[in-house]
Every structure is written in structure tokens, then in C-alpha cells.
Amino acid sequence: MRMILAAATAAIALTATSSPAAAQSAVEGRVDRLEREMRAVQRKVFPGGAGVTVEPQITGPAATPDVIGAPASAPITDLTARVSALEGSVRTMTGQVEQDGYRVRQLEEAFNAYKRATDARLKALEDRAGPAAEPAAVAATGDTSPATPASRPPATRPAPTRPITAATVTPPPAAEAERPGTAPAVERPSTGDAAEDGYTYGFRLWQAKDYAGAERELKAVADKYPKHRRASFAQNLLGRAYLDEGKPSLASLAFYDSYKKFPDGERAPDSLYYLAQALVKLKKPASDVCKVYSELTDVYSAKLTAGMKADIAKGRTAQKCS
């Protein structure tokens, strides 16, 4: 009987001592997991911020003097409550970070959509405006619709089979010297992108028929920002401004420079097309005009639209190109 009682007493004592140890081990595991999650959240909130930490909003209760005779709660109970509070805080912070990331993605998508729409509107306005006087070759066929621009050329161009030389174009006479103009009340945009703003402002001046002001702005964009995508736009529109102002010699030089300086630019095919129109106005030999049409077809044939192909065919017919 005594041996049975002693064994039972030993089992109870073993159970009483192992239970707090097991509870403490479980809490330590939760604490380790919380620390890992908190570090992950801090890396997301402070990317690259080595040593940056967030002060905890949850702190332990202020220490109070023990009252003699008052029962004290078990330490493991207090630690469990604090760990549970920390887990709730981590969940809340993680949710806020995910919501902020979603809002940032929405803003980026909205900005990209706005930029695409603005580019499309500018391109449509530029294409719809057309030159003031149609080229003689187009007028002879009775077609007064503006040329349809080609889409973006390929990144790598095939070697031209009929290279155009500087001798094709004509140096401008003194009558076509650039003159300062009086700019109307045209608003200058300010988006932080100097090349984009300069091109947009030059485009607006061109629309307002302030050709001298437009030429000055567009020339500055093409010269200062040759690596910007708007450089091709600006150089091409510079030629069109000269053409609309009745300066075909300057226009031919601008279109030639647009093709040679920015052969992979978005307006390189348009520049070749309008170069042919400028040569027609200059009464250049048909062989020179046909050479330009051949260059345009050979280099950008895969990217020409149906409308531009039709305009090229009409121009070649008018010039009796072989």
C-alpha cells in the first residue's frame, strides 16, 4: 500500500512539473514566429533601411508593488496574453501594407493609362491637321486626305538598298531664313519632363499656326534630348512646320535629318514620306522622289499601314516611278 501511494505521488509531481515546461515551450515557439514575421514586415515597409525598426505599440503593464496577501497570476499566463496581442498587431500591420501596395499599383496603372491616352490624342491631332497645302503629286490625283502615318518601326532596320544622300535635298535659299515670330497665348505644359513638355508646347504652337515659335521649340527638343522618344516626333514636326510655312528647302533638310538621326524613331517613316512631298514642291527630278519612295518601302515595308502604302503608290504613279 505504501509503495502504491508513493508511486502515485511521484506521477502527480512529474505531471505538475512537466506542464509549465510544455506551455513555456509553446509560447517560445510563438514568440520566435512573431519575431520572424515582424522582421519580414519591417523589410517591406523600410526596403533597404538597414537597422530601421519600429517601436512597439504594445508594452508590458507598468510594474506595481506587490501587495502582501494578493494572489499573483502565473507568469506564463501574462506572457501568453502579450504574445496574443502581438500576433493581432502583426496581422493588422500586414493588412495595411497589402492595402497600400494595392493602392500604389492602382495609381501606376491609372498613370500609364493616362499617358497612353495622351500620346494617342496627340498623334491623332497631328495626323488630322495635315499640311496647309497638299503636295502637287497628291493634288494631281484628286486625293486631299492627309497621309496616314506608319506604326512604330522595328528595333533593327534592314540595310537600305537605295541610300539617300545629302545631295538629294536642297540647301535653303536666303528667302527661307528663319524669322522670329510672335507667339499667341498658348499654354506651356509643366509635367517635369522637359522633352515631353517642349514637344507638346511646340505642337500647340504649330496648331495655332505660329510656325516660327513651333520651329524654335521643336528644334530645341530634338537637339537637347536626342535619346528621348519625342526627339523623332519633334524633328518630324519641325519639317512639317517648315512645309506649312512655305519653306520646302528647310523642310527637306529637317525630314532628311529626322530619318538619318532617328532611323528607329516612331516618326522616321513619316519623315521619309514628307521628304518626298518636299522634293515635289522643290520641283526636284522624279528620280530623286522615286528614290525616297523606294527607300521608305524597302526599310519600313513591314510596318507601313494600308493608308500609307496607298499614298506611296499614288505618289509613285504621279512621278512615273519604275
Protein backbone atom coordinates (compact mmCIF):
# COMPACT_ATOMS: atom_id res chain seq x y z
CA MET A 1 0.00 0.00 0.00
CA ARG A 2 2.77 2.42 0.85
CA MET A 3 4.56 1.62 -2.39
CA ILE A 4 1.40 2.33 -4.45
CA LEU A 5 0.86 5.66 -2.67
CA ALA A 6 4.47 6.68 -3.27
CA ALA A 7 4.23 5.87 -7.00
CA ALA A 8 1.02 7.92 -7.37
CA THR A 9 2.60 10.84 -5.58
CA ALA A 10 5.65 10.74 -7.89
CA ALA A 11 3.44 10.66 -11.02
CA ILE A 12 1.44 13.70 -9.85
CA ALA A 13 4.63 15.60 -9.13
CA LEU A 14 6.05 14.74 -12.55
CA THR A 15 2.87 15.92 -14.29
CA ALA A 16 2.85 19.17 -12.31
CA THR A 17 6.44 19.96 -13.27
CA SER A 18 6.18 18.98 -16.98
CA SER A 19 3.01 21.01 -17.73
CA PRO A 20 4.55 24.50 -17.23
CA ALA A 21 7.61 23.43 -19.23
CA ALA A 22 5.45 22.33 -22.18
CA ALA A 23 3.40 25.57 -22.03
CA GLN A 24 6.55 27.65 -21.93
CA SER A 25 7.96 25.81 -24.95
CA ALA A 26 4.77 26.51 -26.94
CA VAL A 27 4.90 30.23 -26.07
CA GLU A 28 8.57 30.44 -27.06
CA GLY A 29 7.70 28.94 -30.46
CA ARG A 30 5.01 31.56 -30.98
CA VAL A 31 7.41 34.33 -29.97
CA ASP A 32 10.03 33.12 -32.47
CA ARG A 33 7.43 33.05 -35.23
CA LEU A 34 6.26 36.57 -34.34
CA GLU A 35 9.80 37.88 -34.47
CA ARG A 36 10.28 36.44 -37.96
CA GLU A 37 7.00 37.92 -39.19
CA MET A 38 7.81 41.32 -37.68
CA ARG A 39 11.21 41.38 -39.41
CA ALA A 40 9.57 40.49 -42.74
CA VAL A 41 7.03 43.30 -42.34
CA GLN A 42 9.77 45.81 -41.46
CA ARG A 43 11.75 44.81 -44.55
CA LYS A 44 8.68 45.52 -46.68
CA VAL A 45 7.86 48.82 -45.00
CA PHE A 46 11.51 50.00 -44.93
CA PRO A 47 13.17 48.46 -48.03
CA GLY A 48 16.91 48.82 -47.82
CA GLY A 49 16.69 50.55 -44.43
CA ALA A 50 19.30 48.60 -42.53
CA GLY A 51 18.84 48.92 -38.82
CA VAL A 52 15.45 50.67 -39.07
CA THR A 53 12.98 49.31 -36.57
CA VAL A 54 9.52 50.16 -35.40
CA GLU A 55 8.95 50.90 -31.76
CA PRO A 56 6.33 48.51 -30.38
CA GLN A 57 2.96 50.00 -29.53
CA ILE A 58 2.20 47.17 -27.15
CA THR A 59 4.23 47.20 -23.97
CA GLY A 60 4.06 45.31 -20.77
CA PRO A 61 1.99 46.65 -17.91
CA ALA A 62 3.69 49.07 -15.57
CA ALA A 63 5.30 47.36 -12.63
CA THR A 64 3.32 47.73 -9.44
CA PRO A 65 4.44 46.85 -5.97
CA ASP A 66 3.24 43.51 -4.77
CA VAL A 67 0.54 43.71 -2.23
CA ILE A 68 1.11 41.34 0.62
CA GLY A 69 -1.59 38.76 0.58
CA ALA A 70 -2.79 39.50 -3.00
CA PRO A 71 -2.75 36.42 -5.27
CA ALA A 72 -0.30 36.71 -8.23
CA SER A 73 -1.15 35.37 -11.71
CA ALA A 74 1.09 32.78 -13.23
CA PRO A 75 3.93 34.29 -15.39
CA ILE A 76 3.04 32.00 -18.27
CA THR A 77 -0.49 33.46 -18.36
CA ASP A 78 0.77 37.06 -18.71
CA LEU A 79 3.26 36.06 -21.42
CA THR A 80 0.56 34.25 -23.39
CA ALA A 81 -1.68 37.33 -23.33
CA ARG A 82 1.10 39.58 -24.55
CA VAL A 83 2.03 37.19 -27.37
CA SER A 84 -1.62 37.08 -28.47
CA ALA A 85 -1.70 40.89 -28.57
CA LEU A 86 1.50 40.93 -30.64
CA GLU A 87 0.02 38.46 -33.11
CA GLY A 88 -3.02 40.71 -33.59
CA SER A 89 -0.76 43.73 -34.15
CA VAL A 90 1.29 41.90 -36.79
CA ARG A 91 -1.88 40.84 -38.63
CA THR A 92 -3.14 44.44 -38.66
CA MET A 93 0.17 45.81 -39.93
CA THR A 94 0.40 43.16 -42.65
CA GLY A 95 -3.09 44.04 -43.86
CA GLN A 96 -2.23 47.75 -44.03
CA VAL A 97 0.94 47.04 -46.03
CA GLU A 98 -1.02 44.93 -48.54
CA GLN A 99 -3.68 47.65 -48.91
CA ASP A 100 -1.02 50.31 -49.51
CA GLY A 101 0.66 48.13 -52.14
CA TYR A 102 -2.68 47.65 -53.90
CA ARG A 103 -3.31 51.41 -53.92
CA VAL A 104 0.15 52.06 -55.38
CA ARG A 105 -0.47 49.55 -58.16
CA GLN A 106 -3.80 51.22 -58.95
CA LEU A 107 -2.09 54.62 -59.20
CA GLU A 108 0.61 53.25 -61.52
CA GLU A 109 -1.99 51.64 -63.80
CA ALA A 110 -4.04 54.85 -63.91
CA PHE A 111 -0.96 56.93 -64.77
CA ASN A 112 0.12 54.52 -67.54
CA ALA A 113 -3.41 54.58 -69.00
CA TYR A 114 -3.42 58.39 -68.93
CA LYS A 115 -0.03 58.54 -70.66
CA ARG A 116 -1.15 56.13 -73.39
CA ALA A 117 -4.34 58.13 -73.96
CA THR A 118 -2.42 61.42 -74.15
CA ASP A 119 0.04 60.00 -76.68
CA ALA A 120 -2.81 58.68 -78.79
CA ARG A 121 -4.64 62.03 -78.73
CA LEU A 122 -1.50 63.98 -79.72
CA LYS A 123 -0.79 61.55 -82.55
CA ALA A 124 -4.39 61.74 -83.79
CA LEU A 125 -4.35 65.55 -83.72
CA GLU A 126 -1.01 65.71 -85.53
CA ASP A 127 -2.17 63.26 -88.20
CA ARG A 128 -5.52 65.00 -88.67
CA ALA A 129 -4.05 68.50 -89.00
CA GLY A 130 -2.10 67.76 -92.21
CA PRO A 131 -0.13 70.33 -94.27
CA ALA A 132 -1.79 73.60 -95.27
CA ALA A 133 -1.20 72.99 -98.99
CA GLU A 134 -1.22 69.47 -100.38
CA PRO A 135 1.79 68.28 -102.42
CA ALA A 136 1.45 68.61 -106.17
CA ALA A 137 1.69 64.85 -106.66
CA VAL A 138 -1.26 64.19 -104.37
CA ALA A 139 -3.33 67.07 -105.75
CA ALA A 140 -2.93 65.68 -109.26
CA THR A 141 -4.76 62.51 -108.25
CA GLY A 142 -7.62 64.35 -106.53
CA ASP A 143 -6.84 62.81 -103.14
CA THR A 144 -6.67 65.53 -100.46
CA SER A 145 -6.64 63.25 -97.38
CA PRO A 146 -3.57 63.59 -95.16
CA ALA A 147 -1.05 60.80 -95.22
CA THR A 148 -1.62 58.03 -92.70
CA PRO A 149 1.46 57.67 -90.50
CA ALA A 150 3.19 54.33 -90.16
CA SER A 151 3.28 52.49 -86.90
CA ARG A 152 6.45 52.11 -84.84
CA PRO A 153 9.36 50.80 -86.97
CA PRO A 154 11.23 47.66 -85.95
CA ALA A 155 14.07 47.92 -83.46
CA THR A 156 16.60 46.73 -86.08
CA ARG A 157 16.25 48.12 -89.60
CA PRO A 158 17.28 46.25 -92.73
CA ALA A 159 20.03 47.84 -94.75
CA PRO A 160 18.59 50.28 -97.31
CA THR A 161 19.05 49.26 -100.91
CA ARG A 162 18.81 52.80 -102.32
CA PRO A 163 20.54 55.07 -99.81
CA ILE A 164 19.52 58.72 -99.80
CA THR A 165 22.39 61.19 -99.71
CA ALA A 166 22.53 64.81 -98.60
CA ALA A 167 22.73 65.78 -102.26
CA THR A 168 19.08 64.80 -102.62
CA VAL A 169 17.93 67.78 -100.57
CA THR A 170 18.49 71.44 -101.35
CA PRO A 171 20.16 73.99 -99.05
CA PRO A 172 17.63 76.67 -98.11
CA PRO A 173 17.81 79.96 -100.00
CA ALA A 174 18.02 83.29 -98.19
CA ALA A 175 14.27 83.77 -98.63
CA GLU A 176 13.68 80.85 -96.30
CA ALA A 177 15.80 82.19 -93.45
CA GLU A 178 14.23 81.63 -90.05
CA ARG A 179 12.46 84.63 -88.60
CA PRO A 180 11.31 85.14 -85.01
CA GLY A 181 7.55 85.01 -84.64
CA THR A 182 5.05 86.38 -82.20
CA ALA A 183 3.71 83.51 -80.14
CA PRO A 184 -0.03 83.62 -79.37
CA ALA A 185 -1.41 82.86 -75.95
CA VAL A 186 -0.50 79.17 -75.92
CA GLU A 187 -0.17 77.41 -72.60
CA ARG A 188 3.17 75.75 -71.90
CA PRO A 189 2.74 72.43 -70.05
CA SER A 190 4.76 71.62 -66.97
CA THR A 191 4.87 67.91 -66.13
CA GLY A 192 8.50 67.67 -65.03
CA ASP A 193 9.58 66.02 -68.32
CA ALA A 194 11.33 68.80 -70.23
CA ALA A 195 11.39 66.93 -73.56
CA GLU A 196 7.72 65.97 -73.33
CA ASP A 197 6.71 69.49 -72.33
CA GLY A 198 8.79 71.07 -75.09
CA TYR A 199 7.30 68.84 -77.77
CA THR A 200 3.74 69.40 -76.54
CA TYR A 201 4.27 73.16 -76.47
CA GLY A 202 5.76 73.12 -79.97
CA PHE A 203 2.83 71.03 -81.18
CA ARG A 204 0.37 73.55 -79.75
CA LEU A 205 2.21 76.43 -81.40
CA TRP A 206 2.11 74.54 -84.70
CA GLN A 207 -1.63 74.03 -84.30
CA ALA A 208 -2.00 77.76 -83.63
CA LYS A 209 -0.04 78.42 -86.89
CA ASP A 210 2.78 80.15 -85.03
CA TYR A 211 5.27 78.31 -87.17
CA ALA A 212 8.32 80.31 -86.11
CA GLY A 213 7.64 79.64 -82.43
CA ALA A 214 6.89 75.97 -83.10
CA GLU A 215 10.11 75.57 -85.10
CA ARG A 216 12.15 77.09 -82.28
CA GLU A 217 10.66 74.79 -79.62
CA LEU A 218 10.77 71.61 -81.71
CA LYS A 219 14.35 72.21 -82.81
CA ALA A 220 15.40 72.67 -79.17
CA VAL A 221 13.79 69.35 -78.18
CA ALA A 222 15.48 67.41 -80.99
CA ASP A 223 18.89 68.96 -80.24
CA LYS A 224 18.84 68.78 -76.43
CA TYR A 225 17.17 65.40 -75.96
CA PRO A 226 18.28 63.14 -78.85
CA LYS A 227 17.78 60.00 -76.73
CA HIS A 228 14.20 60.84 -75.78
CA ARG A 229 11.40 59.19 -77.74
CA ARG A 230 9.97 62.64 -78.50
CA ALA A 231 13.10 63.62 -80.44
CA SER A 232 11.80 61.77 -83.51
CA PHE A 233 8.38 63.41 -83.09
CA ALA A 234 9.92 66.88 -82.73
CA GLN A 235 12.24 66.59 -85.75
CA ASN A 236 9.42 65.31 -87.97
CA LEU A 237 7.01 68.03 -86.85
CA LEU A 238 9.74 70.62 -87.39
CA GLY A 239 9.82 69.61 -91.05
CA ARG A 240 6.05 69.82 -91.29
CA ALA A 241 6.09 73.30 -89.77
CA TYR A 242 8.59 74.41 -92.42
CA LEU A 243 6.45 72.80 -95.10
CA ASP A 244 3.28 74.52 -93.86
CA GLU A 245 5.11 77.84 -93.71
CA GLY A 246 6.11 77.51 -97.36
CA LYS A 247 9.78 76.65 -96.79
CA PRO A 248 10.25 73.34 -98.63
CA SER A 249 14.05 73.58 -98.64
CA LEU A 250 14.24 73.80 -94.85
CA ALA A 251 11.54 71.14 -94.64
CA SER A 252 13.54 68.72 -96.81
CA LEU A 253 16.60 69.20 -94.59
CA ALA A 254 14.55 68.63 -91.42
CA PHE A 255 12.96 65.45 -92.79
CA TYR A 256 16.32 64.17 -94.01
CA ASP A 257 17.86 64.77 -90.55
CA SER A 258 14.89 63.06 -88.91
CA TYR A 259 15.46 59.90 -90.93
CA LYS A 260 19.25 59.90 -90.55
CA LYS A 261 19.45 60.87 -86.86
CA PHE A 262 16.47 58.83 -85.64
CA PRO A 263 16.11 55.91 -88.09
CA ASP A 264 14.38 53.80 -85.43
CA GLY A 265 12.19 56.64 -84.17
CA GLU A 266 8.43 56.45 -84.32
CA ARG A 267 8.27 59.22 -86.93
CA ALA A 268 11.06 58.05 -89.24
CA PRO A 269 8.67 56.58 -91.88
CA ASP A 270 6.55 59.76 -91.84
CA SER A 271 9.69 61.85 -92.33
CA LEU A 272 10.61 59.91 -95.47
CA TYR A 273 7.10 60.31 -96.85
CA TYR A 274 7.05 64.05 -96.24
CA LEU A 275 10.58 64.35 -97.62
CA ALA A 276 9.20 63.12 -100.94
CA GLN A 277 6.44 65.77 -100.75
CA ALA A 278 9.01 68.49 -100.04
CA LEU A 279 11.09 67.39 -103.05
CA VAL A 280 7.99 67.59 -105.24
CA LYS A 281 7.42 71.17 -104.10
CA LEU A 282 11.06 71.95 -104.87
CA LYS A 283 10.49 70.58 -108.40
CA LYS A 284 13.28 68.06 -107.94
CA PRO A 285 13.77 65.37 -110.61
CA ALA A 286 11.35 62.49 -110.44
CA SER A 287 14.26 60.11 -109.94
CA ASP A 288 15.06 61.75 -106.58
CA VAL A 289 11.45 61.50 -105.43
CA CYS A 290 11.24 57.88 -106.54
CA LYS A 291 14.44 57.14 -104.66
CA VAL A 292 12.82 58.38 -101.44
CA TYR A 293 9.70 56.30 -102.03
CA SER A 294 11.85 53.22 -102.68
CA GLU A 295 13.84 53.83 -99.50
CA LEU A 296 10.63 54.14 -97.49
CA THR A 297 9.21 50.91 -98.92
CA ASP A 298 12.43 48.91 -98.58
CA VAL A 299 13.23 49.92 -95.00
CA TYR A 300 9.78 50.08 -93.41
CA SER A 301 7.62 47.85 -95.63
CA ALA A 302 6.65 45.55 -92.76
CA LYS A 303 5.39 48.45 -90.64
CA LEU A 304 3.57 50.59 -93.21
CA THR A 305 -0.18 50.90 -92.84
CA ALA A 306 -2.57 50.32 -95.70
CA GLY A 307 -3.27 54.05 -95.97
CA MET A 308 0.38 55.00 -96.30
CA LYS A 309 1.00 52.22 -98.82
CA ALA A 310 -1.83 53.64 -100.92
CA ASP A 311 -0.39 57.17 -100.67
CA ILE A 312 3.06 55.90 -101.69
CA ALA A 313 1.56 54.10 -104.68
CA LYS A 314 -0.23 57.30 -105.77
CA GLY A 315 2.97 59.30 -105.40
CA ARG A 316 4.98 56.78 -107.41
CA THR A 317 2.33 56.83 -110.14
CA ALA A 318 2.36 60.62 -110.26
CA GLN A 319 6.17 60.61 -110.60
CA LYS A 320 6.10 57.69 -113.08
CA CYS A 321 8.46 55.66 -110.91
CA SER A 322 9.53 52.34 -112.38
